Amino acid sequence: MEPIFIHPTAVVDEGCEISGGTKIWHFCHIMPDCKIGQNCNIGQNVVISPGVILGNNVKVQNNVSIYTGVTCADDVFLGPSMVFTNVSNPRSAINRRGQYEKTHVGKGASIGANATIVCGHDIGEYAFIGAGAVVTKNIPPYALVIGNPARQVGWISEYGHRLNFDNHGFATCPESGTVYSLQENSVSAIR
């Protein structure tokens, strides 16, 4: 297993679990009780709050804050300056620390630069959230969403290619050759 790399300017609090091969770069703050999987890359100026769980091979780009209540499965990509929230009705004068809402990002999903994920809404596996999108509802697996509020404009393969389904509900990823089936507004990969 590769060693863990932590840049000297990063702060890693006691009680974190960080697995081998993970790299934590400049000016990050990793707070207590979070779990970071193997081979993750945590970009510059990232904050990971207590209790956050990141799977293996998660890529967190610069200037991302991952707040308590967020979990990410394996192979998730979090684009530069994207935003998670964890309280739906924040007020400075009211302590809502016990009311954090949960958000789960499924395996292989990508969230583009400057996107916002409003808390309490899950992102399905291999979904693709376009840059600047504002997610205000659950996103199904393999969905391609853009805009504010985010709206679905298509489906996307595990390799990140837009899927064009034929009249029988089948599409092939041009890079991997994987065939996908669209049935009742739900996509699945046929291995």
N, C-alpha and C. Protein backbone atom coordinates (compact mmCIF):
# COMPACT_ATOMS: atom_id res chain seq x y z
N MET A 1 0.84 -1.19 0.00
CA MET A 1 0.00 0.00 0.00
C MET A 1 0.88 1.24 0.00
N GLU A 2 0.52 2.19 -0.83
CA GLU A 2 1.26 3.45 -0.88
C GLU A 2 1.10 4.22 0.43
N PRO A 3 2.10 5.03 0.77
CA PRO A 3 1.97 5.85 1.98
C PRO A 3 0.97 6.99 1.79
N ILE A 4 0.56 7.56 2.90
CA ILE A 4 -0.30 8.75 2.89
C ILE A 4 0.61 9.96 2.77
N PHE A 5 0.20 10.94 1.96
CA PHE A 5 0.94 12.20 1.86
C PHE A 5 0.07 13.30 2.43
N ILE A 6 0.61 14.06 3.38
CA ILE A 6 -0.08 15.21 3.96
C ILE A 6 0.86 16.41 3.85
N HIS A 7 0.45 17.41 3.09
CA HIS A 7 1.28 18.61 2.92
C HIS A 7 1.48 19.29 4.28
N PRO A 8 2.66 19.87 4.52
CA PRO A 8 2.93 20.50 5.83
C PRO A 8 1.96 21.61 6.22
N THR A 9 1.29 22.25 5.26
CA THR A 9 0.35 23.32 5.61
C THR A 9 -1.04 22.79 5.95
N ALA A 10 -1.29 21.49 5.72
CA ALA A 10 -2.61 20.90 6.01
C ALA A 10 -2.73 20.63 7.51
N VAL A 11 -3.96 20.72 8.02
CA VAL A 11 -4.25 20.40 9.41
C VAL A 11 -5.13 19.15 9.42
N VAL A 12 -4.66 18.11 10.08
CA VAL A 12 -5.42 16.87 10.20
C VAL A 12 -5.65 16.63 11.68
N ASP A 13 -6.92 16.71 12.10
CA ASP A 13 -7.26 16.56 13.51
C ASP A 13 -7.18 15.10 13.96
N GLU A 14 -7.04 14.93 15.27
CA GLU A 14 -7.04 13.59 15.86
C GLU A 14 -8.38 12.90 15.57
N GLY A 15 -8.32 11.59 15.38
CA GLY A 15 -9.54 10.80 15.22
C GLY A 15 -9.99 10.61 13.79
N CYS A 16 -9.18 11.05 12.82
CA CYS A 16 -9.51 10.82 11.41
C CYS A 16 -8.97 9.45 11.00
N GLU A 17 -9.66 8.82 10.07
CA GLU A 17 -9.15 7.59 9.46
C GLU A 17 -8.82 7.91 8.01
N ILE A 18 -7.54 7.82 7.65
CA ILE A 18 -7.09 8.12 6.30
C ILE A 18 -6.35 6.89 5.78
N SER A 19 -6.79 6.37 4.63
CA SER A 19 -6.21 5.14 4.10
C SER A 19 -5.05 5.41 3.16
N GLY A 20 -4.29 4.36 2.90
CA GLY A 20 -3.07 4.44 2.11
C GLY A 20 -3.26 5.00 0.71
N GLY A 21 -2.23 5.68 0.23
CA GLY A 21 -2.24 6.24 -1.11
C GLY A 21 -2.94 7.58 -1.22
N THR A 22 -3.58 8.03 -0.16
CA THR A 22 -4.30 9.31 -0.19
C THR A 22 -3.33 10.46 -0.08
N LYS A 23 -3.62 11.53 -0.85
CA LYS A 23 -2.82 12.74 -0.82
C LYS A 23 -3.69 13.91 -0.38
N ILE A 24 -3.19 14.66 0.60
CA ILE A 24 -3.89 15.84 1.13
C ILE A 24 -2.99 17.03 0.90
N TRP A 25 -3.47 18.00 0.13
CA TRP A 25 -2.62 19.08 -0.35
C TRP A 25 -2.73 20.35 0.50
N HIS A 26 -2.19 21.45 0.01
CA HIS A 26 -1.99 22.71 0.73
C HIS A 26 -3.26 23.23 1.41
N PHE A 27 -3.12 23.69 2.63
CA PHE A 27 -4.12 24.46 3.37
C PHE A 27 -5.45 23.73 3.58
N CYS A 28 -5.42 22.42 3.64
CA CYS A 28 -6.64 21.64 3.91
C CYS A 28 -6.84 21.52 5.42
N HIS A 29 -8.11 21.29 5.81
CA HIS A 29 -8.43 20.98 7.20
C HIS A 29 -9.30 19.74 7.20
N ILE A 30 -8.76 18.67 7.77
CA ILE A 30 -9.48 17.41 7.89
C ILE A 30 -9.87 17.28 9.36
N MET A 31 -11.18 17.30 9.63
CA MET A 31 -11.68 17.37 11.01
C MET A 31 -11.89 15.97 11.61
N PRO A 32 -12.13 15.90 12.92
CA PRO A 32 -12.21 14.60 13.60
C PRO A 32 -13.34 13.71 13.05
N ASP A 33 -13.11 12.41 13.21
CA ASP A 33 -14.13 11.38 12.95
C ASP A 33 -14.53 11.27 11.48
N CYS A 34 -13.75 11.82 10.56
CA CYS A 34 -14.07 11.57 9.16
C CYS A 34 -13.24 10.37 8.69
N LYS A 35 -13.73 9.74 7.62
CA LYS A 35 -13.07 8.57 7.06
C LYS A 35 -12.79 8.83 5.59
N ILE A 36 -11.53 8.71 5.22
CA ILE A 36 -11.12 8.94 3.84
C ILE A 36 -10.49 7.65 3.34
N GLY A 37 -11.01 7.14 2.22
CA GLY A 37 -10.58 5.85 1.68
C GLY A 37 -9.21 5.90 1.02
N GLN A 38 -8.89 4.80 0.34
CA GLN A 38 -7.60 4.66 -0.33
C GLN A 38 -7.52 5.50 -1.59
N ASN A 39 -6.32 5.96 -1.88
CA ASN A 39 -5.99 6.64 -3.15
C ASN A 39 -6.89 7.84 -3.45
N CYS A 40 -7.30 8.55 -2.44
CA CYS A 40 -8.06 9.79 -2.64
C CYS A 40 -7.08 10.94 -2.89
N ASN A 41 -7.54 11.95 -3.57
CA ASN A 41 -6.75 13.16 -3.76
C ASN A 41 -7.57 14.34 -3.27
N ILE A 42 -7.08 15.00 -2.23
CA ILE A 42 -7.78 16.13 -1.62
C ILE A 42 -7.03 17.39 -2.02
N GLY A 43 -7.62 18.19 -2.91
CA GLY A 43 -6.97 19.36 -3.47
C GLY A 43 -6.75 20.48 -2.46
N GLN A 44 -6.17 21.54 -2.93
CA GLN A 44 -5.82 22.68 -2.08
C GLN A 44 -7.06 23.36 -1.50
N ASN A 45 -6.95 23.78 -0.23
CA ASN A 45 -7.97 24.58 0.45
C ASN A 45 -9.31 23.84 0.60
N VAL A 46 -9.25 22.57 0.93
CA VAL A 46 -10.44 21.76 1.13
C VAL A 46 -10.68 21.58 2.62
N VAL A 47 -11.96 21.66 3.02
CA VAL A 47 -12.36 21.37 4.41
C VAL A 47 -13.25 20.14 4.40
N ILE A 48 -12.90 19.17 5.24
CA ILE A 48 -13.73 17.97 5.40
C ILE A 48 -14.17 17.93 6.86
N SER A 49 -15.48 18.08 7.07
CA SER A 49 -16.04 18.24 8.41
C SER A 49 -16.19 16.90 9.14
N PRO A 50 -16.43 16.95 10.45
CA PRO A 50 -16.55 15.72 11.24
C PRO A 50 -17.62 14.78 10.70
N GLY A 51 -17.28 13.49 10.68
CA GLY A 51 -18.25 12.46 10.31
C GLY A 51 -18.40 12.23 8.82
N VAL A 52 -17.74 13.02 7.98
CA VAL A 52 -17.82 12.82 6.53
C VAL A 52 -17.13 11.50 6.17
N ILE A 53 -17.70 10.79 5.21
CA ILE A 53 -17.11 9.54 4.73
C ILE A 53 -16.86 9.66 3.24
N LEU A 54 -15.61 9.43 2.83
CA LEU A 54 -15.24 9.38 1.42
C LEU A 54 -14.76 7.97 1.11
N GLY A 55 -15.25 7.38 0.03
CA GLY A 55 -14.82 6.05 -0.38
C GLY A 55 -13.42 6.08 -0.97
N ASN A 56 -13.07 5.04 -1.70
CA ASN A 56 -11.77 4.95 -2.34
C ASN A 56 -11.75 5.74 -3.65
N ASN A 57 -10.57 6.29 -3.97
CA ASN A 57 -10.34 6.96 -5.25
C ASN A 57 -11.25 8.16 -5.47
N VAL A 58 -11.60 8.85 -4.42
CA VAL A 58 -12.40 10.08 -4.53
C VAL A 58 -11.46 11.23 -4.84
N LYS A 59 -11.82 12.04 -5.85
CA LYS A 59 -11.02 13.19 -6.24
C LYS A 59 -11.77 14.46 -5.84
N VAL A 60 -11.18 15.22 -4.92
CA VAL A 60 -11.77 16.47 -4.44
C VAL A 60 -10.89 17.60 -4.96
N GLN A 61 -11.43 18.43 -5.83
CA GLN A 61 -10.66 19.52 -6.42
C GLN A 61 -10.57 20.70 -5.44
N ASN A 62 -9.83 21.72 -5.81
CA ASN A 62 -9.56 22.86 -4.93
C ASN A 62 -10.84 23.56 -4.46
N ASN A 63 -10.78 24.10 -3.24
CA ASN A 63 -11.79 25.00 -2.67
C ASN A 63 -13.15 24.34 -2.43
N VAL A 64 -13.17 23.08 -2.08
CA VAL A 64 -14.43 22.37 -1.79
C VAL A 64 -14.55 22.19 -0.28
N SER A 65 -15.75 22.43 0.26
CA SER A 65 -16.06 22.13 1.65
C SER A 65 -17.06 20.99 1.68
N ILE A 66 -16.70 19.93 2.40
CA ILE A 66 -17.58 18.77 2.50
C ILE A 66 -18.07 18.73 3.94
N TYR A 67 -19.35 19.04 4.13
CA TYR A 67 -19.88 19.23 5.47
C TYR A 67 -20.45 17.95 6.07
N THR A 68 -20.55 17.94 7.40
CA THR A 68 -21.12 16.82 8.13
C THR A 68 -22.47 16.44 7.52
N GLY A 69 -22.66 15.13 7.32
CA GLY A 69 -23.88 14.64 6.70
C GLY A 69 -23.66 14.15 5.29
N VAL A 70 -22.49 14.47 4.70
CA VAL A 70 -22.18 14.06 3.33
C VAL A 70 -21.38 12.76 3.34
N THR A 71 -21.76 11.84 2.47
CA THR A 71 -20.98 10.63 2.21
C THR A 71 -20.80 10.50 0.71
N CYS A 72 -19.62 10.05 0.30
CA CYS A 72 -19.32 9.82 -1.10
C CYS A 72 -18.82 8.39 -1.27
N ALA A 73 -19.39 7.67 -2.22
CA ALA A 73 -18.95 6.31 -2.52
C ALA A 73 -17.63 6.35 -3.29
N ASP A 74 -17.15 5.21 -3.72
CA ASP A 74 -15.90 5.12 -4.47
C ASP A 74 -15.99 5.88 -5.79
N ASP A 75 -14.84 6.38 -6.23
CA ASP A 75 -14.65 6.97 -7.57
C ASP A 75 -15.47 8.22 -7.83
N VAL A 76 -15.84 8.95 -6.80
CA VAL A 76 -16.58 10.21 -6.96
C VAL A 76 -15.61 11.32 -7.33
N PHE A 77 -16.05 12.24 -8.21
CA PHE A 77 -15.28 13.42 -8.59
C PHE A 77 -16.05 14.64 -8.12
N LEU A 78 -15.41 15.49 -7.31
CA LEU A 78 -16.00 16.74 -6.83
C LEU A 78 -15.21 17.89 -7.45
N GLY A 79 -15.82 18.61 -8.37
CA GLY A 79 -15.16 19.65 -9.15
C GLY A 79 -14.78 20.88 -8.33
N PRO A 80 -13.91 21.72 -8.90
CA PRO A 80 -13.42 22.90 -8.19
C PRO A 80 -14.55 23.79 -7.69
N SER A 81 -14.47 24.17 -6.43
CA SER A 81 -15.38 25.14 -5.79
C SER A 81 -16.84 24.71 -5.78
N MET A 82 -17.11 23.40 -5.99
CA MET A 82 -18.50 22.96 -5.84
C MET A 82 -18.87 23.04 -4.36
N VAL A 83 -20.19 23.06 -4.08
CA VAL A 83 -20.67 23.35 -2.72
C VAL A 83 -21.69 22.31 -2.28
N PHE A 84 -21.49 21.80 -1.07
CA PHE A 84 -22.53 21.03 -0.38
C PHE A 84 -23.12 21.93 0.70
N THR A 85 -24.41 21.77 0.99
CA THR A 85 -24.97 22.39 2.19
C THR A 85 -25.38 21.26 3.14
N ASN A 86 -25.65 21.59 4.40
CA ASN A 86 -26.12 20.53 5.31
C ASN A 86 -27.25 20.99 6.22
N VAL A 87 -27.70 22.23 6.07
CA VAL A 87 -28.87 22.73 6.80
C VAL A 87 -29.73 23.47 5.79
N SER A 88 -31.02 23.14 5.74
CA SER A 88 -31.88 23.74 4.72
C SER A 88 -32.40 25.12 5.12
N ASN A 89 -32.36 25.46 6.41
CA ASN A 89 -32.85 26.77 6.85
C ASN A 89 -31.88 27.41 7.85
N PRO A 90 -30.65 27.70 7.40
CA PRO A 90 -29.66 28.22 8.34
C PRO A 90 -29.98 29.64 8.82
N ARG A 91 -29.70 29.88 10.09
CA ARG A 91 -29.78 31.21 10.69
C ARG A 91 -28.59 31.37 11.61
N SER A 92 -27.94 32.49 11.54
CA SER A 92 -26.76 32.73 12.35
C SER A 92 -27.06 32.63 13.85
N ALA A 93 -28.22 33.13 14.26
CA ALA A 93 -28.55 33.18 15.68
C ALA A 93 -29.14 31.89 16.23
N ILE A 94 -29.37 30.89 15.35
CA ILE A 94 -29.99 29.64 15.79
C ILE A 94 -29.03 28.49 15.53
N ASN A 95 -28.73 27.73 16.58
CA ASN A 95 -27.84 26.59 16.46
C ASN A 95 -28.60 25.40 15.88
N ARG A 96 -28.21 24.93 14.72
CA ARG A 96 -28.86 23.79 14.06
C ARG A 96 -27.91 22.59 13.96
N ARG A 97 -26.93 22.52 14.83
CA ARG A 97 -25.93 21.45 14.75
C ARG A 97 -26.51 20.05 14.83
N GLY A 98 -27.61 19.87 15.48
CA GLY A 98 -28.22 18.54 15.56
C GLY A 98 -29.19 18.25 14.44
N GLN A 99 -29.28 19.15 13.46
CA GLN A 99 -30.29 19.01 12.41
C GLN A 99 -29.67 18.89 11.02
N TYR A 100 -28.44 18.41 10.94
CA TYR A 100 -27.79 18.27 9.64
C TYR A 100 -28.53 17.24 8.79
N GLU A 101 -28.80 17.61 7.55
CA GLU A 101 -29.44 16.68 6.62
C GLU A 101 -28.37 15.89 5.88
N LYS A 102 -28.73 14.68 5.47
CA LYS A 102 -27.76 13.79 4.83
C LYS A 102 -27.83 13.90 3.31
N THR A 103 -26.68 13.78 2.69
CA THR A 103 -26.54 13.75 1.24
C THR A 103 -25.57 12.63 0.89
N HIS A 104 -25.97 11.76 -0.02
CA HIS A 104 -25.08 10.68 -0.47
C HIS A 104 -24.80 10.84 -1.96
N VAL A 105 -23.52 10.75 -2.31
CA VAL A 105 -23.10 10.79 -3.70
C VAL A 105 -22.68 9.38 -4.09
N GLY A 106 -23.37 8.81 -5.08
CA GLY A 106 -23.16 7.42 -5.47
C GLY A 106 -21.87 7.18 -6.23
N LYS A 107 -21.50 5.93 -6.30
CA LYS A 107 -20.27 5.47 -6.95
C LYS A 107 -20.13 6.07 -8.35
N GLY A 108 -18.94 6.61 -8.62
CA GLY A 108 -18.60 7.08 -9.95
C GLY A 108 -19.25 8.38 -10.39
N ALA A 109 -20.03 9.02 -9.53
CA ALA A 109 -20.70 10.27 -9.90
C ALA A 109 -19.69 11.40 -10.00
N SER A 110 -19.99 12.37 -10.88
CA SER A 110 -19.16 13.56 -11.03
C SER A 110 -20.00 14.80 -10.80
N ILE A 111 -19.45 15.74 -10.04
CA ILE A 111 -20.13 17.01 -9.78
C ILE A 111 -19.21 18.12 -10.31
N GLY A 112 -19.71 18.91 -11.25
CA GLY A 112 -18.91 19.91 -11.94
C GLY A 112 -18.57 21.12 -11.09
N ALA A 113 -17.64 21.91 -11.62
CA ALA A 113 -17.16 23.12 -10.95
C ALA A 113 -18.32 24.05 -10.61
N ASN A 114 -18.27 24.61 -9.42
CA ASN A 114 -19.24 25.61 -8.95
C ASN A 114 -20.67 25.11 -8.85
N ALA A 115 -20.90 23.82 -8.91
CA ALA A 115 -22.25 23.28 -8.69
C ALA A 115 -22.58 23.37 -7.21
N THR A 116 -23.89 23.42 -6.91
CA THR A 116 -24.37 23.43 -5.52
C THR A 116 -25.30 22.26 -5.32
N ILE A 117 -25.05 21.48 -4.26
CA ILE A 117 -25.92 20.36 -3.92
C ILE A 117 -26.65 20.75 -2.64
N VAL A 118 -27.95 21.04 -2.75
CA VAL A 118 -28.75 21.39 -1.58
C VAL A 118 -28.95 20.12 -0.75
N CYS A 119 -28.75 20.22 0.56
CA CYS A 119 -28.74 19.06 1.43
C CYS A 119 -30.04 18.25 1.38
N GLY A 120 -29.89 16.97 1.68
CA GLY A 120 -31.04 16.07 1.72
C GLY A 120 -31.38 15.47 0.37
N HIS A 121 -30.53 15.70 -0.64
CA HIS A 121 -30.78 15.18 -1.98
C HIS A 121 -29.60 14.32 -2.40
N ASP A 122 -29.90 13.08 -2.77
CA ASP A 122 -28.85 12.13 -3.13
C ASP A 122 -28.56 12.19 -4.62
N ILE A 123 -27.31 11.87 -4.95
CA ILE A 123 -26.84 11.83 -6.33
C ILE A 123 -26.61 10.35 -6.66
N GLY A 124 -27.30 9.84 -7.68
CA GLY A 124 -27.19 8.43 -8.05
C GLY A 124 -25.84 8.08 -8.64
N GLU A 125 -25.53 6.79 -8.66
CA GLU A 125 -24.25 6.35 -9.18
C GLU A 125 -24.08 6.75 -10.65
N TYR A 126 -22.88 7.18 -10.97
CA TYR A 126 -22.47 7.59 -12.32
C TYR A 126 -23.24 8.78 -12.87
N ALA A 127 -24.02 9.46 -12.04
CA ALA A 127 -24.69 10.68 -12.49
C ALA A 127 -23.63 11.74 -12.77
N PHE A 128 -24.01 12.72 -13.59
CA PHE A 128 -23.09 13.79 -13.97
C PHE A 128 -23.82 15.11 -13.77
N ILE A 129 -23.30 15.90 -12.82
CA ILE A 129 -23.89 17.21 -12.51
C ILE A 129 -23.05 18.26 -13.22
N GLY A 130 -23.64 18.99 -14.15
CA GLY A 130 -22.91 19.97 -14.94
C GLY A 130 -22.39 21.13 -14.09
N ALA A 131 -21.38 21.80 -14.61
CA ALA A 131 -20.80 22.96 -13.92
C ALA A 131 -21.86 24.01 -13.65
N GLY A 132 -21.89 24.52 -12.43
CA GLY A 132 -22.81 25.58 -12.04
C GLY A 132 -24.23 25.14 -11.75
N ALA A 133 -24.53 23.87 -11.87
CA ALA A 133 -25.89 23.38 -11.62
C ALA A 133 -26.24 23.52 -10.14
N VAL A 134 -27.53 23.70 -9.86
CA VAL A 134 -28.02 23.77 -8.48
C VAL A 134 -29.01 22.62 -8.29
N VAL A 135 -28.58 21.61 -7.53
CA VAL A 135 -29.38 20.39 -7.35
C VAL A 135 -30.34 20.59 -6.19
N THR A 136 -31.65 20.48 -6.48
CA THR A 136 -32.69 20.68 -5.47
C THR A 136 -33.59 19.46 -5.32
N LYS A 137 -33.20 18.31 -5.91
CA LYS A 137 -33.95 17.07 -5.77
C LYS A 137 -33.00 15.90 -6.00
N ASN A 138 -33.45 14.70 -5.69
CA ASN A 138 -32.63 13.51 -5.91
C ASN A 138 -32.35 13.35 -7.40
N ILE A 139 -31.15 12.88 -7.71
CA ILE A 139 -30.73 12.68 -9.09
C ILE A 139 -30.56 11.17 -9.31
N PRO A 140 -31.23 10.61 -10.33
CA PRO A 140 -31.13 9.16 -10.55
C PRO A 140 -29.77 8.74 -11.10
N PRO A 141 -29.43 7.46 -10.96
CA PRO A 141 -28.20 6.95 -11.54
C PRO A 141 -28.12 7.24 -13.04
N TYR A 142 -26.92 7.55 -13.51
CA TYR A 142 -26.60 7.80 -14.92
C TYR A 142 -27.25 9.06 -15.49
N ALA A 143 -27.90 9.88 -14.68
CA ALA A 143 -28.56 11.09 -15.19
C ALA A 143 -27.53 12.17 -15.48
N LEU A 144 -27.77 12.95 -16.53
CA LEU A 144 -27.00 14.14 -16.87
C LEU A 144 -27.89 15.33 -16.58
N VAL A 145 -27.47 16.19 -15.62
CA VAL A 145 -28.28 17.34 -15.24
C VAL A 145 -27.47 18.63 -15.36
N ILE A 146 -28.16 19.72 -15.72
CA ILE A 146 -27.53 21.03 -15.86
C ILE A 146 -28.52 22.09 -15.38
N GLY A 147 -28.01 23.29 -15.13
CA GLY A 147 -28.86 24.45 -14.91
C GLY A 147 -29.22 24.73 -13.46
N ASN A 148 -30.02 25.82 -13.30
CA ASN A 148 -30.49 26.28 -11.99
C ASN A 148 -31.98 26.60 -12.09
N PRO A 149 -32.82 25.78 -11.46
CA PRO A 149 -32.49 24.53 -10.77
C PRO A 149 -32.08 23.46 -11.77
N ALA A 150 -31.31 22.48 -11.30
CA ALA A 150 -30.82 21.42 -12.18
C ALA A 150 -31.99 20.65 -12.79
N ARG A 151 -31.89 20.41 -14.09
CA ARG A 151 -32.89 19.62 -14.80
C ARG A 151 -32.16 18.57 -15.63
N GLN A 152 -32.78 17.43 -15.74
CA GLN A 152 -32.16 16.34 -16.50
C GLN A 152 -32.30 16.59 -17.99
N VAL A 153 -31.16 16.46 -18.72
CA VAL A 153 -31.15 16.66 -20.17
C VAL A 153 -30.72 15.41 -20.92
N GLY A 154 -30.46 14.33 -20.19
CA GLY A 154 -30.05 13.10 -20.86
C GLY A 154 -29.50 12.09 -19.87
N TRP A 155 -28.83 11.11 -20.45
CA TRP A 155 -28.20 10.03 -19.68
C TRP A 155 -26.74 9.95 -20.06
N ILE A 156 -25.92 9.41 -19.16
CA ILE A 156 -24.48 9.40 -19.38
C ILE A 156 -23.90 8.05 -18.97
N SER A 157 -22.87 7.61 -19.67
CA SER A 157 -22.25 6.31 -19.40
C SER A 157 -21.28 6.41 -18.23
N GLU A 158 -20.81 5.26 -17.77
CA GLU A 158 -19.81 5.22 -16.70
C GLU A 158 -18.51 5.90 -17.12
N TYR A 159 -18.24 5.99 -18.41
CA TYR A 159 -17.04 6.64 -18.93
C TYR A 159 -17.28 8.12 -19.22
N GLY A 160 -18.49 8.62 -18.95
CA GLY A 160 -18.77 10.04 -19.10
C GLY A 160 -19.19 10.47 -20.49
N HIS A 161 -19.76 9.55 -21.28
CA HIS A 161 -20.25 9.89 -22.61
C HIS A 161 -21.77 9.92 -22.62
N ARG A 162 -22.33 10.88 -23.32
CA ARG A 162 -23.78 10.98 -23.43
C ARG A 162 -24.31 9.77 -24.17
N LEU A 163 -25.39 9.19 -23.65
CA LEU A 163 -25.98 7.99 -24.25
C LEU A 163 -27.15 8.37 -25.15
N ASN A 164 -27.16 7.81 -26.35
CA ASN A 164 -28.25 8.02 -27.31
C ASN A 164 -28.98 6.70 -27.50
N PHE A 165 -30.13 6.59 -26.90
CA PHE A 165 -30.88 5.34 -26.90
C PHE A 165 -31.65 5.16 -28.20
N ASP A 166 -31.67 3.90 -28.70
CA ASP A 166 -32.44 3.59 -29.90
C ASP A 166 -33.90 3.36 -29.53
N ASN A 167 -34.72 3.02 -30.51
CA ASN A 167 -36.16 2.82 -30.29
C ASN A 167 -36.47 1.65 -29.37
N HIS A 168 -35.49 0.77 -29.16
CA HIS A 168 -35.69 -0.39 -28.27
C HIS A 168 -35.17 -0.12 -26.86
N GLY A 169 -34.63 1.08 -26.63
CA GLY A 169 -34.16 1.44 -25.30
C GLY A 169 -32.75 0.99 -25.00
N PHE A 170 -31.89 0.87 -26.04
CA PHE A 170 -30.51 0.46 -25.83
C PHE A 170 -29.56 1.52 -26.38
N ALA A 171 -28.41 1.67 -25.71
CA ALA A 171 -27.36 2.59 -26.14
C ALA A 171 -26.01 1.96 -25.80
N THR A 172 -24.99 2.32 -26.58
CA THR A 172 -23.65 1.80 -26.36
C THR A 172 -22.69 2.94 -26.10
N CYS A 173 -21.88 2.79 -25.07
CA CYS A 173 -20.84 3.78 -24.78
C CYS A 173 -19.78 3.68 -25.85
N PRO A 174 -19.43 4.80 -26.51
CA PRO A 174 -18.45 4.75 -27.59
C PRO A 174 -17.03 4.42 -27.12
N GLU A 175 -16.74 4.61 -25.86
CA GLU A 175 -15.38 4.35 -25.37
C GLU A 175 -15.23 2.95 -24.80
N SER A 176 -16.17 2.53 -23.96
CA SER A 176 -16.03 1.23 -23.29
C SER A 176 -16.72 0.09 -24.04
N GLY A 177 -17.70 0.42 -24.88
CA GLY A 177 -18.48 -0.60 -25.57
C GLY A 177 -19.58 -1.19 -24.71
N THR A 178 -19.73 -0.72 -23.49
CA THR A 178 -20.78 -1.20 -22.60
C THR A 178 -22.14 -0.81 -23.17
N VAL A 179 -23.07 -1.76 -23.12
CA VAL A 179 -24.44 -1.51 -23.58
C VAL A 179 -25.28 -1.14 -22.36
N TYR A 180 -26.13 -0.13 -22.54
CA TYR A 180 -27.03 0.34 -21.48
C TYR A 180 -28.47 0.16 -21.92
N SER A 181 -29.32 -0.09 -20.93
CA SER A 181 -30.75 -0.27 -21.18
C SER A 181 -31.52 0.83 -20.46
N LEU A 182 -32.48 1.43 -21.17
CA LEU A 182 -33.37 2.43 -20.60
C LEU A 182 -34.77 1.83 -20.56
N GLN A 183 -35.24 1.57 -19.34
CA GLN A 183 -36.56 0.99 -19.13
C GLN A 183 -37.27 1.75 -18.03
N GLU A 184 -38.47 2.24 -18.30
CA GLU A 184 -39.27 2.96 -17.31
C GLU A 184 -38.48 4.09 -16.64
N ASN A 185 -37.80 4.89 -17.47
CA ASN A 185 -37.05 6.06 -17.03
C ASN A 185 -35.94 5.71 -16.03
N SER A 186 -35.34 4.54 -16.23
CA SER A 186 -34.23 4.09 -15.38
C SER A 186 -33.20 3.43 -16.28
N VAL A 187 -31.92 3.78 -16.07
CA VAL A 187 -30.83 3.23 -16.89
C VAL A 187 -30.05 2.22 -16.09
N SER A 188 -29.66 1.14 -16.77
CA SER A 188 -28.76 0.16 -16.15
C SER A 188 -27.76 -0.31 -17.20
N ALA A 189 -26.58 -0.68 -16.74
CA ALA A 189 -25.53 -1.20 -17.61
C ALA A 189 -25.76 -2.70 -17.78
N ILE A 190 -25.60 -3.14 -19.03
CA ILE A 190 -25.68 -4.59 -19.33
C ILE A 190 -24.26 -5.05 -19.57
N ARG A 191 -23.77 -5.87 -18.71
CA ARG A 191 -22.36 -6.32 -18.78
C ARG A 191 -22.21 -7.45 -19.77
